[in-house]
Protein backbone atom coordinates (compact mmCIF):
# COMPACT_ATOMS: atom_id res chain seq x y z
CA MET A 1 -52.30 30.26 5.56
CA ILE A 2 -49.19 32.04 6.84
CA GLU A 3 -49.09 35.65 5.65
CA ARG A 4 -46.23 38.14 5.59
CA PRO A 5 -45.77 40.19 8.80
CA ARG A 6 -47.60 43.50 9.12
CA GLY A 7 -45.59 46.45 7.88
CA THR A 8 -43.57 44.43 5.36
CA ARG A 9 -44.11 43.70 1.68
CA ASP A 10 -43.07 41.33 -1.06
CA ILE A 11 -41.30 42.98 -3.98
CA SER A 12 -42.24 41.56 -7.38
CA LEU A 13 -39.93 40.92 -10.31
CA GLU A 14 -41.11 44.05 -12.10
CA GLU A 15 -40.84 46.26 -9.02
CA MET A 16 -37.42 44.87 -8.21
CA GLU A 17 -36.20 45.74 -11.69
CA LYS A 18 -37.29 49.33 -11.15
CA ARG A 19 -35.69 49.49 -7.71
CA LYS A 20 -32.39 48.17 -9.06
CA ALA A 21 -32.47 50.84 -11.76
CA VAL A 22 -32.88 53.61 -9.16
CA GLU A 23 -30.22 52.04 -6.95
CA LYS A 24 -27.82 51.94 -9.90
CA ARG A 25 -28.38 55.63 -10.59
CA LEU A 26 -27.80 56.60 -6.95
CA ARG A 27 -24.62 54.53 -6.75
CA PHE A 28 -23.30 56.15 -9.93
CA VAL A 29 -23.82 59.66 -8.56
CA VAL A 30 -22.25 59.12 -5.11
CA GLU A 31 -19.29 57.22 -6.56
CA SER A 32 -18.69 60.06 -9.01
CA TYR A 33 -18.20 62.25 -5.91
CA GLY A 34 -15.53 59.87 -4.59
CA TYR A 35 -17.63 57.95 -2.05
CA GLY A 36 -17.00 54.26 -1.27
CA GLU A 37 -19.54 51.74 -0.02
CA VAL A 38 -19.60 50.25 3.48
CA MET A 39 -22.00 47.92 5.28
CA THR A 40 -22.79 47.48 8.97
CA PRO A 41 -24.59 44.70 10.89
CA THR A 42 -28.36 44.48 10.67
CA PHE A 43 -28.46 44.56 14.48
CA GLU A 44 -26.42 46.47 17.06
CA HIS A 45 -26.31 46.79 20.83
CA THR A 46 -29.44 48.69 21.81
CA GLN A 47 -27.34 51.14 23.83
CA LEU A 48 -25.88 52.59 20.62
CA PHE A 49 -29.28 53.94 19.56
CA LEU A 50 -30.20 55.00 23.10
CA GLU A 51 -27.00 57.08 23.26
CA LYS A 52 -27.72 58.62 19.86
CA SER A 53 -31.45 59.34 20.12
CA GLY A 54 -32.36 59.14 23.80
CA PRO A 55 -34.51 56.67 25.79
CA SER A 56 -37.72 57.50 23.89
CA ILE A 57 -36.35 55.72 20.82
CA ILE A 58 -36.96 52.36 22.52
CA GLU A 59 -40.69 52.64 21.73
CA GLU A 60 -39.95 53.09 18.03
CA ILE A 61 -37.48 50.27 17.35
CA TYR A 62 -37.28 46.50 17.37
CA ALA A 63 -35.32 45.85 20.58
CA PHE A 64 -34.99 42.50 22.33
CA GLU A 65 -32.79 40.35 24.52
CA ASP A 66 -30.92 37.62 22.66
CA LYS A 67 -30.20 34.11 23.92
CA GLY A 68 -27.02 35.33 25.58
CA GLY A 69 -28.89 37.96 27.58
CA ARG A 70 -27.57 40.87 25.47
CA ASN A 71 -29.82 43.83 24.64
CA ILE A 72 -29.97 43.97 20.84
CA ALA A 73 -31.86 46.15 18.36
CA LEU A 74 -32.45 45.96 14.63
CA ARG A 75 -30.91 49.09 13.14
CA PRO A 76 -33.50 51.91 12.72
CA GLU A 77 -31.03 53.88 10.55
CA PHE A 78 -27.36 53.73 9.53
CA THR A 79 -25.68 56.87 10.86
CA ALA A 80 -25.02 55.59 14.39
CA SER A 81 -23.75 52.28 13.03
CA VAL A 82 -21.42 53.93 10.51
CA MET A 83 -20.02 56.24 13.19
CA ARG A 84 -19.52 53.24 15.49
CA MET A 85 -17.72 51.52 12.61
CA TYR A 86 -15.55 54.61 12.05
CA HIS A 87 -14.51 54.91 15.69
CA GLU A 88 -13.93 51.18 16.01
CA GLY A 89 -11.61 50.74 13.05
CA MET A 90 -11.33 53.71 10.65
CA ARG A 91 -10.20 56.67 12.78
CA GLU A 92 -6.65 56.61 11.43
CA ARG A 93 -7.71 56.84 7.79
CA PRO A 94 -6.98 60.09 5.93
CA LYS A 95 -9.71 62.74 6.02
CA PRO A 96 -12.08 63.51 4.51
CA LEU A 97 -13.55 60.03 4.68
CA LYS A 98 -16.41 59.58 2.20
CA LEU A 99 -18.71 56.62 2.88
CA TYR A 100 -22.07 55.50 1.51
CA TYR A 101 -24.44 52.66 2.30
CA PHE A 102 -27.61 50.96 1.13
CA GLY A 103 -29.69 48.50 3.10
CA SER A 104 -32.83 47.71 5.05
CA VAL A 105 -33.72 49.38 8.36
CA PHE A 106 -36.50 48.71 10.85
CA ARG A 107 -38.92 50.84 12.86
CA TYR A 108 -41.85 49.67 14.94
CA GLU A 109 -44.53 52.15 13.91
CA ARG A 110 -48.00 52.18 12.41
CA PRO A 111 -47.80 51.14 8.73
CA GLN A 112 -49.36 53.47 6.15
CA ALA A 113 -48.79 54.55 2.55
CA GLY A 114 -45.08 55.17 2.10
CA ARG A 115 -44.27 54.02 5.66
CA TYR A 116 -43.31 50.44 6.52
CA ARG A 117 -41.74 48.60 9.43
CA GLU A 118 -39.00 47.33 7.16
CA PHE A 119 -37.76 49.83 4.60
CA TRP A 120 -34.56 50.85 2.84
CA HIS A 121 -32.11 53.70 3.31
CA PHE A 122 -29.54 54.95 0.83
CA GLY A 123 -27.22 57.47 2.39
CA THR A 124 -23.78 58.99 2.88
CA GLU A 125 -21.46 60.15 5.64
CA LEU A 126 -18.69 62.72 5.11
CA ILE A 127 -16.34 62.49 8.10
CA GLY A 128 -13.66 65.03 8.96
CA PRO A 129 -14.15 68.43 7.32
CA ASN A 130 -16.07 71.19 9.05
CA THR A 131 -16.11 73.82 6.30
CA PRO A 132 -18.70 75.55 4.10
CA GLU A 133 -17.21 73.64 1.16
CA ALA A 134 -18.09 70.34 2.88
CA ASP A 135 -21.62 71.49 3.70
CA ALA A 136 -22.11 72.64 0.10
CA GLU A 137 -20.88 69.31 -1.31
CA ASN A 138 -23.17 67.41 1.05
CA ILE A 139 -26.19 69.33 -0.23
CA ALA A 140 -25.09 69.26 -3.87
CA LEU A 141 -24.60 65.50 -3.74
CA ALA A 142 -28.10 64.92 -2.35
CA TYR A 143 -29.55 67.27 -4.97
CA ASP A 144 -27.68 65.50 -7.79
CA CYS A 145 -28.87 62.13 -6.48
CA VAL A 146 -32.49 63.24 -6.82
CA VAL A 147 -31.88 64.60 -10.32
CA GLY A 148 -30.05 61.38 -11.19
CA THR A 149 -33.08 59.23 -10.38
CA GLY A 150 -35.14 61.13 -12.93
CA LEU A 151 -37.46 62.73 -10.37
CA LYS A 152 -38.68 66.06 -11.76
CA GLU A 153 -40.90 67.61 -9.07
CA PHE A 154 -39.18 68.06 -5.71
CA LYS A 155 -38.37 70.81 -3.22
CA LEU A 156 -35.07 71.41 -1.41
CA ARG A 157 -35.34 73.27 1.92
CA LEU A 158 -32.22 74.61 3.67
CA SER A 159 -31.43 75.99 7.11
CA ASN A 160 -28.56 76.60 9.51
CA LEU A 161 -29.43 75.53 13.04
CA LYS A 162 -26.69 77.78 14.39
CA ILE A 163 -28.90 80.74 13.47
CA LEU A 164 -31.57 79.45 15.86
CA TYR A 165 -29.02 78.45 18.51
CA THR A 166 -27.52 81.94 18.38
CA TYR A 167 -30.90 83.67 18.52
CA LEU A 168 -32.06 81.60 21.50
CA ASP A 169 -28.73 82.01 23.28
CA GLU A 170 -29.10 85.78 22.92
CA LYS A 171 -32.58 85.39 24.47
CA GLY A 172 -31.08 83.60 27.48
CA ILE A 173 -31.78 80.00 26.38
CA PRO A 174 -28.41 78.33 25.69
CA ASP A 175 -29.80 74.76 25.58
CA PRO A 176 -33.07 74.86 23.57
CA GLU A 177 -33.22 71.05 23.34
CA LYS A 178 -33.94 70.88 27.08
CA ASN A 179 -37.17 72.85 26.82
CA ASP A 180 -38.55 71.37 23.60
CA ILE A 181 -38.32 74.55 21.47
CA PHE A 182 -36.80 72.76 18.48
CA HIS A 183 -39.43 70.05 18.72
CA LEU A 184 -42.18 72.67 18.64
CA ILE A 185 -40.60 74.33 15.61
CA ASP A 186 -40.28 70.96 13.87
CA LYS A 187 -43.95 70.16 14.51
CA GLY A 188 -45.09 73.66 13.54
CA ASP A 189 -46.78 74.15 16.91
CA LEU A 190 -47.13 77.93 16.68
CA GLU A 191 -49.56 78.13 19.58
CA ALA A 192 -47.08 76.56 22.00
CA LEU A 193 -44.22 78.70 20.67
CA SER A 194 -46.24 81.87 21.19
CA ASN A 195 -46.29 81.12 24.92
CA TYR A 196 -42.64 82.20 25.11
CA SER A 197 -42.03 85.93 25.58
CA PHE A 198 -40.10 85.99 22.31
CA GLY A 199 -42.34 83.41 20.63
CA GLU A 200 -43.94 85.68 18.05
CA GLU A 201 -40.54 87.00 16.99
CA LEU A 202 -39.14 83.46 16.80
CA ILE A 203 -41.97 82.45 14.49
CA GLU A 204 -41.21 85.50 12.33
CA LEU A 205 -37.55 84.47 12.24
CA THR A 206 -38.34 80.95 11.03
CA GLU A 207 -40.48 82.42 8.24
CA SER A 208 -37.99 85.13 7.19
CA LYS A 209 -36.13 85.38 3.90
CA LEU A 210 -32.35 85.17 3.72
CA ASP A 211 -31.76 88.93 3.48
CA GLU A 212 -33.89 89.48 6.61
CA LEU A 213 -32.13 87.07 8.98
CA LYS A 214 -29.31 89.32 10.16
CA GLY A 215 -31.86 91.73 11.62
CA TYR A 216 -32.74 89.19 14.35
CA LEU A 217 -29.18 88.57 15.58
CA LYS A 218 -26.38 90.46 17.28
CA ASN A 219 -23.87 87.82 16.17
CA THR A 220 -24.49 87.37 12.44
CA GLU A 221 -21.74 84.80 11.78
CA PRO A 222 -24.19 81.88 11.32
CA VAL A 223 -26.03 83.82 8.60
CA GLU A 224 -22.77 84.70 6.88
CA TYR A 225 -21.72 81.04 7.02
CA LEU A 226 -24.99 79.98 5.36
CA ILE A 227 -24.51 82.63 2.65
CA ASN A 228 -21.02 81.24 2.05
CA VAL A 229 -22.46 77.74 1.62
CA LEU A 230 -25.06 79.05 -0.82
CA ASN A 231 -22.38 80.84 -2.85
CA ILE A 232 -20.48 77.56 -3.20
CA LEU A 233 -23.71 75.78 -4.15
CA GLU A 234 -23.99 78.26 -7.00
CA LEU A 235 -20.70 76.86 -8.35
CA TYR A 236 -22.38 73.44 -8.45
CA GLY A 237 -25.09 74.95 -10.64
CA ILE A 238 -27.63 75.05 -7.80
CA SER A 239 -29.09 78.55 -7.58
CA SER A 240 -31.69 80.24 -5.38
CA LYS A 241 -34.48 79.06 -7.71
CA ASP A 242 -33.58 75.46 -6.84
CA TYR A 243 -34.09 75.75 -3.06
CA GLU A 244 -35.80 77.75 -0.35
CA ILE A 245 -34.44 78.96 2.99
CA ASP A 246 -36.68 77.56 5.72
CA LEU A 247 -35.50 77.91 9.32
CA SER A 248 -38.33 75.67 10.49
CA THR A 249 -36.28 72.82 8.95
CA VAL A 250 -34.66 71.65 12.19
CA ARG A 251 -34.62 67.85 11.52
CA GLY A 252 -36.11 67.21 14.99
CA LEU A 253 -32.97 65.41 16.22
CA ASP A 254 -30.63 66.82 18.87
CA TYR A 255 -27.39 65.70 17.21
CA TYR A 256 -27.81 68.04 14.22
CA LYS A 257 -25.89 71.23 14.96
CA GLY A 258 -25.24 73.21 11.76
CA VAL A 259 -26.46 73.40 8.16
CA VAL A 260 -29.37 71.02 7.57
CA PHE A 261 -31.71 70.28 4.68
CA GLU A 262 -34.71 68.24 3.63
CA ILE A 263 -36.03 67.26 0.21
CA ASP A 264 -39.75 66.77 -0.43
CA ALA A 265 -41.32 65.08 -3.43
CA ALA A 266 -44.62 66.09 -4.98
CA GLY A 267 -47.57 63.73 -4.81
CA LEU A 268 -46.68 61.83 -1.63
CA GLY A 269 -49.02 63.62 0.76
CA ALA A 270 -48.02 63.58 4.42
CA GLU A 271 -45.08 61.28 3.68
CA LYS A 272 -43.54 63.73 1.20
CA GLN A 273 -40.03 63.86 2.64
CA ILE A 274 -37.66 61.62 0.68
CA CYS A 275 -34.32 62.86 2.02
CA GLY A 276 -32.91 64.64 5.06
CA GLY A 277 -29.47 65.40 6.36
CA GLY A 278 -26.88 67.93 7.38
CA ASP A 279 -24.09 68.66 9.84
CA TYR A 280 -24.15 66.58 13.03
CA LYS A 281 -22.14 65.65 16.12
CA LEU A 282 -22.07 62.05 17.31
CA GLY A 283 -18.41 61.75 18.23
CA SER A 284 -19.12 62.49 21.88
CA ILE A 285 -20.69 59.03 22.18
CA PHE A 286 -17.26 57.60 21.42
CA GLY A 287 -15.17 60.24 23.20
CA THR A 288 -14.15 62.35 20.19
CA ASP A 289 -15.18 65.61 18.59
CA VAL A 290 -15.02 64.58 14.94
CA SER A 291 -17.16 66.56 12.50
CA ALA A 292 -19.53 64.71 10.21
CA LYS A 293 -22.11 65.52 7.57
CA GLY A 294 -24.43 63.26 5.68
CA PHE A 295 -27.90 62.44 4.47
CA ALA A 296 -30.22 59.50 3.92
CA PHE A 297 -32.85 58.81 1.29
CA GLY A 298 -36.01 56.95 2.11
CA PHE A 299 -35.44 54.69 -0.88
CA ASP A 300 -38.99 53.32 -0.96
CA ARG A 301 -40.44 56.83 -1.07
CA VAL A 302 -38.15 57.77 -3.95
CA VAL A 303 -39.42 54.80 -5.94
CA LEU A 304 -43.00 55.66 -5.00
CA ALA A 305 -42.52 59.30 -6.01
CA LEU A 306 -41.18 58.27 -9.42
CA GLY A 307 -44.34 56.23 -10.03
CA ASP A 308 -45.15 55.58 -13.66
CA ASP A 309 -42.22 57.75 -14.77
CA LEU A 310 -39.81 55.19 -13.37
CA ASP A 311 -39.56 53.16 -16.58
CA SER A 312 -37.91 56.12 -18.29
CA THR A 313 -35.05 55.99 -15.76
CA ILE A 314 -34.14 52.39 -16.49
CA ASP A 315 -30.83 52.30 -18.31
CA LYS A 316 -30.17 48.73 -19.43
CA GLY A 317 -28.81 46.80 -22.34
CA PRO A 318 -30.84 44.57 -24.64
CA ARG A 319 -32.35 41.36 -23.28
CA CYS A 320 -31.90 38.37 -25.54
CA TYR A 321 -33.81 35.09 -25.63
CA LEU A 322 -32.04 32.25 -27.44
CA ILE A 323 -34.12 29.59 -29.18
CA PRO A 324 -32.27 26.48 -30.37
CA ILE A 325 -34.07 24.78 -33.26
CA GLY A 326 -33.39 21.06 -33.12
CA ALA A 327 -31.06 19.10 -30.86
CA GLU A 328 -28.15 19.49 -33.29
CA SER A 329 -28.08 23.27 -32.70
CA GLU A 330 -27.72 23.06 -28.92
CA GLU A 331 -23.90 23.24 -28.76
CA TYR A 332 -23.76 26.22 -31.15
CA THR A 333 -26.54 28.03 -29.24
CA TYR A 334 -24.81 27.58 -25.91
CA THR A 335 -21.61 29.00 -27.42
CA VAL A 336 -23.55 32.14 -28.37
CA LEU A 337 -25.23 32.25 -24.95
CA ASP A 338 -21.90 32.03 -23.12
CA SER A 339 -20.32 34.71 -25.31
CA LEU A 340 -23.16 37.16 -24.68
CA ARG A 341 -23.22 36.60 -20.92
CA ARG A 342 -19.44 36.90 -20.54
CA ASN A 343 -19.66 40.30 -22.22
CA GLY A 344 -22.30 41.63 -19.86
CA ILE A 345 -25.32 41.19 -22.13
CA VAL A 346 -28.48 39.76 -20.57
CA ALA A 347 -29.17 36.45 -22.29
CA ASP A 348 -31.58 33.60 -21.53
CA ILE A 349 -32.31 30.34 -23.30
CA ASP A 350 -35.36 28.16 -23.77
CA LEU A 351 -35.29 25.42 -21.12
CA MET A 352 -38.67 23.90 -21.92
CA ASP A 353 -38.06 22.35 -25.36
CA ARG A 354 -40.84 24.51 -26.81
CA GLY A 355 -41.64 24.82 -30.47
CA ILE A 356 -40.61 28.05 -32.21
CA GLY A 357 -44.08 29.61 -31.91
CA LYS A 358 -44.44 29.02 -28.20
CA ALA A 359 -40.84 30.06 -27.54
CA LEU A 360 -41.41 33.37 -29.40
CA SER A 361 -44.63 33.88 -27.46
CA TYR A 362 -42.70 33.42 -24.21
CA ALA A 363 -40.05 35.91 -25.37
CA ASP A 364 -42.79 38.42 -26.11
CA ARG A 365 -44.52 37.97 -22.74
CA GLY A 366 -41.14 38.13 -20.99
CA LYS A 367 -40.46 41.50 -22.67
CA PHE A 368 -37.23 40.36 -24.30
CA ASP A 369 -35.85 42.82 -26.83
CA PHE A 370 -34.58 40.17 -29.22
CA ALA A 371 -35.15 36.51 -29.96
CA LEU A 372 -32.06 34.74 -31.31
CA LEU A 373 -33.04 31.75 -33.41
CA ILE A 374 -30.40 29.15 -34.24
CA GLY A 375 -31.01 26.14 -36.47
CA GLU A 376 -29.16 24.05 -39.01
CA GLU A 377 -29.03 26.85 -41.60
CA GLU A 378 -27.59 29.37 -39.14
CA ILE A 379 -24.91 26.89 -38.06
CA GLU A 380 -23.86 26.24 -41.67
CA GLU A 381 -23.61 29.97 -42.42
CA GLU A 382 -22.07 30.80 -39.00
CA VAL A 383 -24.68 33.45 -38.26
CA VAL A 384 -27.37 34.15 -35.68
CA SER A 385 -30.91 34.96 -36.79
CA VAL A 386 -31.93 38.01 -34.71
CA LYS A 387 -35.61 38.90 -34.44
CA ASP A 388 -36.52 42.34 -33.07
CA MET A 389 -39.49 41.58 -30.81
CA LYS A 390 -40.85 45.10 -31.06
CA SER A 391 -40.69 45.72 -34.80
CA GLY A 392 -40.88 42.10 -35.90
CA GLN A 393 -37.92 42.60 -38.26
CA GLN A 394 -35.45 39.75 -38.56
CA LYS A 395 -31.86 39.69 -39.86
CA ASN A 396 -28.83 37.44 -39.84
CA VAL A 397 -25.82 38.66 -37.86
CA PRO A 398 -22.41 36.97 -38.30
CA LEU A 399 -21.52 34.92 -35.22
CA GLU A 400 -18.27 36.82 -34.74
CA ASN A 401 -20.18 40.14 -34.67
CA ILE A 402 -23.09 39.22 -32.38
CA VAL A 403 -21.59 40.79 -29.23
CA ASP A 404 -20.68 44.01 -31.04
CA PHE A 405 -24.13 44.09 -32.62
CA MET A 406 -25.84 43.89 -29.22
CA ARG A 407 -23.48 46.48 -27.76
CA GLY A 408 -24.33 48.76 -30.65
CA VAL A 409 -28.03 48.37 -29.90
CA TYR A 410 -27.35 49.31 -26.27
CA GLU A 411 -25.22 52.35 -27.15
CA SER A 412 -27.79 53.63 -29.61
CA LYS A 413 -30.56 53.64 -26.98
């Protein structure tokens, strides 16, 4: 028997319904902020990801040589691809440019709970502005996305990498990426950090509260910038009780340069992070210095974090199952079916020539909200007999009112 590849999974009908509900919510939020959707190829030239993340990335991705001898890789994330897309054909568009995406990505790593070799990212890129207003909107949008999914228990952690860059520069280390300091901070390796002459103080800095940060710097501009961002966040209704300042949030990637953030969900254990993002620089790969900010959700982890609460986030109209009674009612029933579907109402029809009892049993098992029964009497009276599958109540609705009736059910939910 041929089984699915390791690190992948099949998504059932029920699970897919839940995922589509979460996707719908996320799309609604980002589009309300003025973002438009883009899509990039599933595979890119491997060099794109090597330029973005360094040669070590090759061990973590699906990279191969195609039949034409080209080095190709399945995308491990979207940011590099979107920036390639921007520089290839969107540079002349007015700024800010607000883009979002949703699709599968691939990493070759050990599968475990919440971590797969094929998974999905939902994310955004804000290209052009380099202001505290842009940083604040980037964070507020991610925060609103989480709230929009219905997730209740999560933690938002904020930092400004320029605080660490400034501190280390003042200690005589202008390029901390070259000696692994940021990596040690990201991994929480306090023992290795303490080997530096300023290590103990650096650890104190990463654990300090906002009002303590200026005491570690001669140039306090990065702290003042972060405070400015937080003041704008307050205008979005996101106050200090909704986040924590955590300078150990460094994202672990060299291209992040300014304000960064991560969002953790409760109950996911080691794989608790569901979102990460911030201010980054990738334009140098393409010979420009364009500013960009963005974030990406690990979509699968969001769905996993919602768990049994996910049903409460599903916002859908009524599902109708039409049951024609007798061959003479078929034309009338299909007229009703077509009218419902053309007006955006989910409608299905019995295709198995079942009796009424078995057809109603199928509607019940299929979790339809209503069964619409149509026989000779309904045709004569120009009505539809509507049975509420939950309450068992049944009533006749005039044919001309059936769409409005179903819409009313949806609006009253």
